C-alpha atoms as a PDB file:
ATOM      1  CA  MET A   1      87.871  99.464  74.562  1.00  0.00           C
ATOM      2  CA  GLY A   2      90.262 101.781  76.259  1.00  0.00           C
ATOM      3  CA  TYR A   3      90.973 105.133  77.658  1.00  0.00           C
ATOM      4  CA  ASP A   4      90.085 108.393  75.868  1.00  0.00           C
ATOM      5  CA  ILE A   5      92.233 111.319  77.011  1.00  0.00           C
ATOM      6  CA  TYR A   6      91.265 114.748  76.131  1.00  0.00           C
ATOM      7  CA  ILE A   7      93.446 117.914  76.657  1.00  0.00           C
ATOM      8  CA  GLN A   8      91.452 120.750  78.024  1.00  0.00           C
ATOM      9  CA  THR A   9      91.922 124.591  77.767  1.00  0.00           C
ATOM     10  CA  PRO A  10      92.789 126.653  80.839  1.00  0.00           C
ATOM     11  CA  ASP A  11      89.095 127.437  81.223  1.00  0.00           C
ATOM     12  CA  GLY A  12      88.151 123.822  81.405  1.00  0.00           C
ATOM     13  CA  LYS A  13      86.735 123.286  77.990  1.00  0.00           C
ATOM     14  CA  PRO A  14      87.966 120.487  75.629  1.00  0.00           C
ATOM     15  CA  ALA A  15      90.687 121.672  73.325  1.00  0.00           C
ATOM     16  CA  GLU A  16      89.835 121.294  69.682  1.00  0.00           C
ATOM     17  CA  GLY A  17      92.070 119.280  67.200  1.00  0.00           C
ATOM     18  CA  ASP A  18      93.225 115.722  66.807  1.00  0.00           C
ATOM     19  CA  GLU A  19      96.444 116.521  68.492  1.00  0.00           C
ATOM     20  CA  ASN A  20      94.554 117.116  71.736  1.00  0.00           C
ATOM     21  CA  TYR A  21      93.287 113.586  71.947  1.00  0.00           C
ATOM     22  CA  PHE A  22      95.009 110.357  72.854  1.00  0.00           C
ATOM     23  CA  ARG A  23      93.646 106.826  73.111  1.00  0.00           C
ATOM     24  CA  ILE A  24      95.286 104.091  75.173  1.00  0.00           C
ATOM     25  CA  ALA A  25      93.974 100.537  74.912  1.00  0.00           C
ATOM     26  CA  TRP A  26      92.834  98.802  78.107  1.00  0.00           C
ATOM     27  CA  THR A  27      95.650  96.297  77.556  1.00  0.00           C
ATOM     28  CA  ALA A  28      98.343  99.022  76.979  1.00  0.00           C
ATOM     29  CA  MET A  29      97.600 101.131  80.146  1.00  0.00           C
ATOM     30  CA  PRO A  30      99.329  98.813  82.717  1.00  0.00           C
ATOM     31  CA  ARG A  31     102.476  98.857  80.569  1.00  0.00           C
ATOM     32  CA  THR A  32     102.225 102.739  80.290  1.00  0.00           C
ATOM     33  CA  LEU A  33     101.569 103.189  84.024  1.00  0.00           C
ATOM     34  CA  GLY A  34     104.579 100.797  84.758  1.00  0.00           C
ATOM     35  CA  ALA A  35     106.950 102.855  82.472  1.00  0.00           C
ATOM     36  CA  MET A  36     105.654 106.034  84.132  1.00  0.00           C
ATOM     37  CA  SER A  37     106.268 104.578  87.640  1.00  0.00           C
ATOM     38  CA  ASN A  38     109.800 103.490  86.700  1.00  0.00           C
ATOM     39  CA  PHE A  39     110.511 107.038  85.619  1.00  0.00           C
ATOM     40  CA  GLY A  40     109.065 108.327  88.813  1.00  0.00           C
ATOM     41  CA  MET A  41     106.163 110.194  87.138  1.00  0.00           C
ATOM     42  CA  LEU A  42     103.371 108.907  89.303  1.00  0.00           C
ATOM     43  CA  ALA A  43     102.243 109.737  92.755  1.00  0.00           C
ATOM     44  CA  GLU A  44     100.642 106.931  94.715  1.00  0.00           C
ATOM     45  CA  LEU A  45      97.724 108.510  96.385  1.00  0.00           C
ATOM     46  CA  PRO A  46      94.454 106.973  97.602  1.00  0.00           C
ATOM     47  CA  VAL A  47      91.491 107.262  95.319  1.00  0.00           C
ATOM     48  CA  PRO A  48      89.270 110.026  96.816  1.00  0.00           C
ATOM     49  CA  SER A  49      85.759 109.179  97.916  1.00  0.00           C
ATOM     50  CA  TYR A  50      82.788 110.505  95.865  1.00  0.00           C
ATOM     51  CA  PRO A  51      80.054 112.159  97.884  1.00  0.00           C
ATOM     52  CA  THR A  52      76.991 109.877  98.561  1.00  0.00           C
ATOM     53  CA  LEU A  53      73.561 110.707  97.491  1.00  0.00           C
ATOM     54  CA  SER A  54      72.144 110.121 100.895  1.00  0.00           C
ATOM     55  CA  ALA A  55      74.555 112.935 102.390  1.00  0.00           C
ATOM     56  CA  TYR A  56      72.434 115.284 100.283  1.00  0.00           C
ATOM     57  CA  GLY A  57      69.081 113.732 100.883  1.00  0.00           C
ATOM     58  CA  LEU A  58      68.942 112.414  97.365  1.00  0.00           C
ATOM     59  CA  GLU A  59      68.274 108.980  95.774  1.00  0.00           C
ATOM     60  CA  ARG A  60      68.788 107.625  92.223  1.00  0.00           C
ATOM     61  CA  GLY A  61      65.205 108.448  91.342  1.00  0.00           C
ATOM     62  CA  ASP A  62      65.896 112.138  91.688  1.00  0.00           C
ATOM     63  CA  PHE A  63      68.141 111.814  88.529  1.00  0.00           C
ATOM     64  CA  GLN A  64      65.858 109.940  86.341  1.00  0.00           C
ATOM     65  CA  PRO A  65      64.842 111.462  83.013  1.00  0.00           C
ATOM     66  CA  GLY A  66      61.465 113.189  83.206  1.00  0.00           C
ATOM     67  CA  THR A  67      61.609 113.775  86.886  1.00  0.00           C
ATOM     68  CA  GLN A  68      60.763 117.307  87.919  1.00  0.00           C
ATOM     69  CA  PRO A  69      62.176 118.067  91.358  1.00  0.00           C
ATOM     70  CA  ASP A  70      60.897 120.822  93.602  1.00  0.00           C
ATOM     71  CA  GLN A  71      63.312 123.790  94.085  1.00  0.00           C
ATOM     72  CA  ALA A  72      64.816 122.353  97.347  1.00  0.00           C
ATOM     73  CA  THR A  73      65.632 119.012  95.629  1.00  0.00           C
ATOM     74  CA  ALA A  74      66.992 120.928  92.589  1.00  0.00           C
ATOM     75  CA  ASN A  75      69.279 122.849  94.968  1.00  0.00           C
ATOM     76  CA  ARG A  76      70.449 119.627  96.662  1.00  0.00           C
ATOM     77  CA  ILE A  77      71.172 118.084  93.216  1.00  0.00           C
ATOM     78  CA  ALA A  78      73.132 121.079  92.177  1.00  0.00           C
ATOM     79  CA  GLU A  79      75.159 120.956  95.494  1.00  0.00           C
ATOM     80  CA  TYR A  80      75.753 117.148  94.950  1.00  0.00           C
ATOM     81  CA  ARG A  81      77.110 117.765  91.449  1.00  0.00           C
ATOM     82  CA  ALA A  82      79.297 120.464  92.542  1.00  0.00           C
ATOM     83  CA  ALA A  83      80.799 118.249  95.249  1.00  0.00           C
ATOM     84  CA  TYR A  84      81.114 115.286  92.761  1.00  0.00           C
ATOM     85  CA  GLN A  85      82.898 117.579  90.341  1.00  0.00           C
ATOM     86  CA  ALA A  86      85.138 118.907  93.066  1.00  0.00           C
ATOM     87  CA  VAL A  87      86.427 115.459  93.595  1.00  0.00           C
ATOM     88  CA  LYS A  88      87.218 114.884  89.990  1.00  0.00           C
ATOM     89  CA  ASP A  89      88.980 118.283  89.856  1.00  0.00           C
ATOM     90  CA  ALA A  90      90.972 117.871  93.141  1.00  0.00           C
ATOM     91  CA  ALA A  91      94.778 118.094  93.255  1.00  0.00           C
ATOM     92  CA  GLU A  92      97.590 118.193  95.769  1.00  0.00           C
ATOM     93  CA  SER A  93      98.964 121.630  96.464  1.00  0.00           C
ATOM     94  CA  GLU A  94     102.488 120.499  95.814  1.00  0.00           C
ATOM     95  CA  PRO A  95     102.262 117.560  93.365  1.00  0.00           C
ATOM     96  CA  THR A  96     105.296 115.196  92.850  1.00  0.00           C
ATOM     97  CA  GLY A  97     103.742 113.680  89.838  1.00  0.00           C
ATOM     98  CA  ILE A  98     100.476 112.403  88.409  1.00  0.00           C
ATOM     99  CA  PRO A  99      98.288 110.545  90.815  1.00  0.00           C
ATOM    100  CA  ALA A 100      98.187 107.025  89.407  1.00  0.00           C
ATOM    101  CA  TYR A 101      94.370 106.672  90.110  1.00  0.00           C
ATOM    102  CA  LYS A 102      93.741 109.546  87.737  1.00  0.00           C
ATOM    103  CA  LEU A 103      95.025 107.389  84.830  1.00  0.00           C
ATOM    104  CA  MET A 104      93.867 103.918  86.162  1.00  0.00           C
ATOM    105  CA  TYR A 105      90.267 104.974  86.083  1.00  0.00           C
ATOM    106  CA  ASN A 106      88.261 106.489  83.336  1.00  0.00           C
ATOM    107  CA  ASP A 107      86.138 108.715  85.532  1.00  0.00           C
ATOM    108  CA  GLY A 108      87.218 111.984  84.078  1.00  0.00           C
ATOM    109  CA  PHE A 109      89.667 113.019  86.833  1.00  0.00           C
ATOM    110  CA  LEU A 110      91.598 116.192  85.949  1.00  0.00           C
ATOM    111  CA  VAL A 111      95.212 115.824  85.570  1.00  0.00           C
ATOM    112  CA  THR A 112      96.517 119.323  86.286  1.00  0.00           C
ATOM    113  CA  VAL A 113      99.202 121.381  84.667  1.00  0.00           C
ATOM    114  CA  ALA A 114     101.148 121.288  87.939  1.00  0.00           C
ATOM    115  CA  GLU A 115     100.954 117.376  88.110  1.00  0.00           C
ATOM    116  CA  LEU A 116     102.086 117.151  84.428  1.00  0.00           C
ATOM    117  CA  SER A 117     104.872 119.576  85.027  1.00  0.00           C
ATOM    118  CA  ALA A 118     106.137 117.604  88.041  1.00  0.00           C
ATOM    119  CA  ALA A 119     105.940 114.324  86.104  1.00  0.00           C
ATOM    120  CA  VAL A 120     107.464 115.566  82.890  1.00  0.00           C
ATOM    121  CA  THR A 121     110.219 117.321  84.836  1.00  0.00           C
ATOM    122  CA  THR A 122     111.003 114.148  86.798  1.00  0.00           C
ATOM    123  CA  TYR A 123     111.051 112.158  83.549  1.00  0.00           C
ATOM    124  CA  GLU A 124     113.185 114.570  81.725  1.00  0.00           C
ATOM    125  CA  ALA A 125     115.847 114.562  84.662  1.00  0.00           C
ATOM    126  CA  HIS A 126     116.517 110.852  83.846  1.00  0.00           C
ATOM    127  CA  PRO A 127     119.554 110.150  81.621  1.00  0.00           C
ATOM    128  CA  HIS A 128     118.939 108.872  78.091  1.00  0.00           C
ATOM    129  CA  VAL A 129     115.175 109.510  78.027  1.00  0.00           C
ATOM    130  CA  ASP A 130     115.743 110.215  74.237  1.00  0.00           C
ATOM    131  CA  ILE A 131     116.618 106.459  73.891  1.00  0.00           C
ATOM    132  CA  ALA A 132     113.284 105.477  75.520  1.00  0.00           C
ATOM    133  CA  GLU A 133     111.366 107.719  73.117  1.00  0.00           C
ATOM    134  CA  MET A 134     113.333 106.297  70.060  1.00  0.00           C
ATOM    135  CA  ARG A 135     112.710 102.656  70.939  1.00  0.00           C
ATOM    136  CA  ASP A 136     108.941 102.920  71.472  1.00  0.00           C
ATOM    137  CA  PRO A 137     106.921 105.158  69.199  1.00  0.00           C
ATOM    138  CA  THR A 138     103.874 104.903  71.383  1.00  0.00           C
ATOM    139  CA  TRP A 139     105.832 106.121  74.270  1.00  0.00           C
ATOM    140  CA  ARG A 140     107.190 109.012  72.207  1.00  0.00           C
ATOM    141  CA  TYR A 141     103.692 109.951  71.218  1.00  0.00           C
ATOM    142  CA  TRP A 142     102.472 109.655  74.842  1.00  0.00           C
ATOM    143  CA  MET A 143     105.301 111.881  76.073  1.00  0.00           C
ATOM    144  CA  ALA A 144     104.589 114.561  73.410  1.00  0.00           C
ATOM    145  CA  PHE A 145     100.905 114.530  74.464  1.00  0.00           C
ATOM    146  CA  LEU A 146     101.842 115.039  78.048  1.00  0.00           C
ATOM    147  CA  ARG A 147     104.196 117.904  77.117  1.00  0.00           C
ATOM    148  CA  ARG A 148     101.395 119.371  75.024  1.00  0.00           C
ATOM    149  CA  ALA A 149      98.771 119.019  77.792  1.00  0.00           C
ATOM    150  CA  LYS A 150     100.995 120.747  80.271  1.00  0.00           C
ATOM    151  CA  THR A 151     101.110 123.875  78.082  1.00  0.00           C
ATOM    152  CA  HIS A 152      97.314 123.902  77.957  1.00  0.00           C
ATOM    153  CA  GLY A 153      94.920 123.211  80.887  1.00  0.00           C
ATOM    154  CA  GLY A 154      95.754 119.518  81.727  1.00  0.00           C
ATOM    155  CA  PHE A 155      93.698 116.662  80.561  1.00  0.00           C
ATOM    156  CA  ARG A 156      90.872 114.362  81.518  1.00  0.00           C
ATOM    157  CA  THR A 157      90.736 110.527  81.044  1.00  0.00           C
ATOM    158  CA  HIS A 158      87.338 108.986  80.010  1.00  0.00           C
END
């Protein structure tokens, strides 16, 4: 069990190739987040709220396989899905790093290029980051992955 992290292209599609995938074990993520926090790479923001089904006049049964909704229900389902995706894609206009919740949960939150750029820039401003990357090969691979993701379209954690 763990976190599957996929780089995406600027148009939001998963980037192809093994170099665009990173896996972190559940047990390793707290250590990774701790290191990122120590380097000032994370932003502590509240986890956003997902829209509720009731706000769209929907219930779980509307999403069950084999259900054929009428046009009005189909439209509400589409609106709900768009609002749900908007929460997963949301970002601060002036990010100071990667919101920690985007890495703590495997809900597919988008870590944007701007968030990655802020995090990597903050990290690289620290003296002796090369030593940190030499001591821990996993950290070195993680940082290479973050640098790669910021040159593409960000990434999502699942």
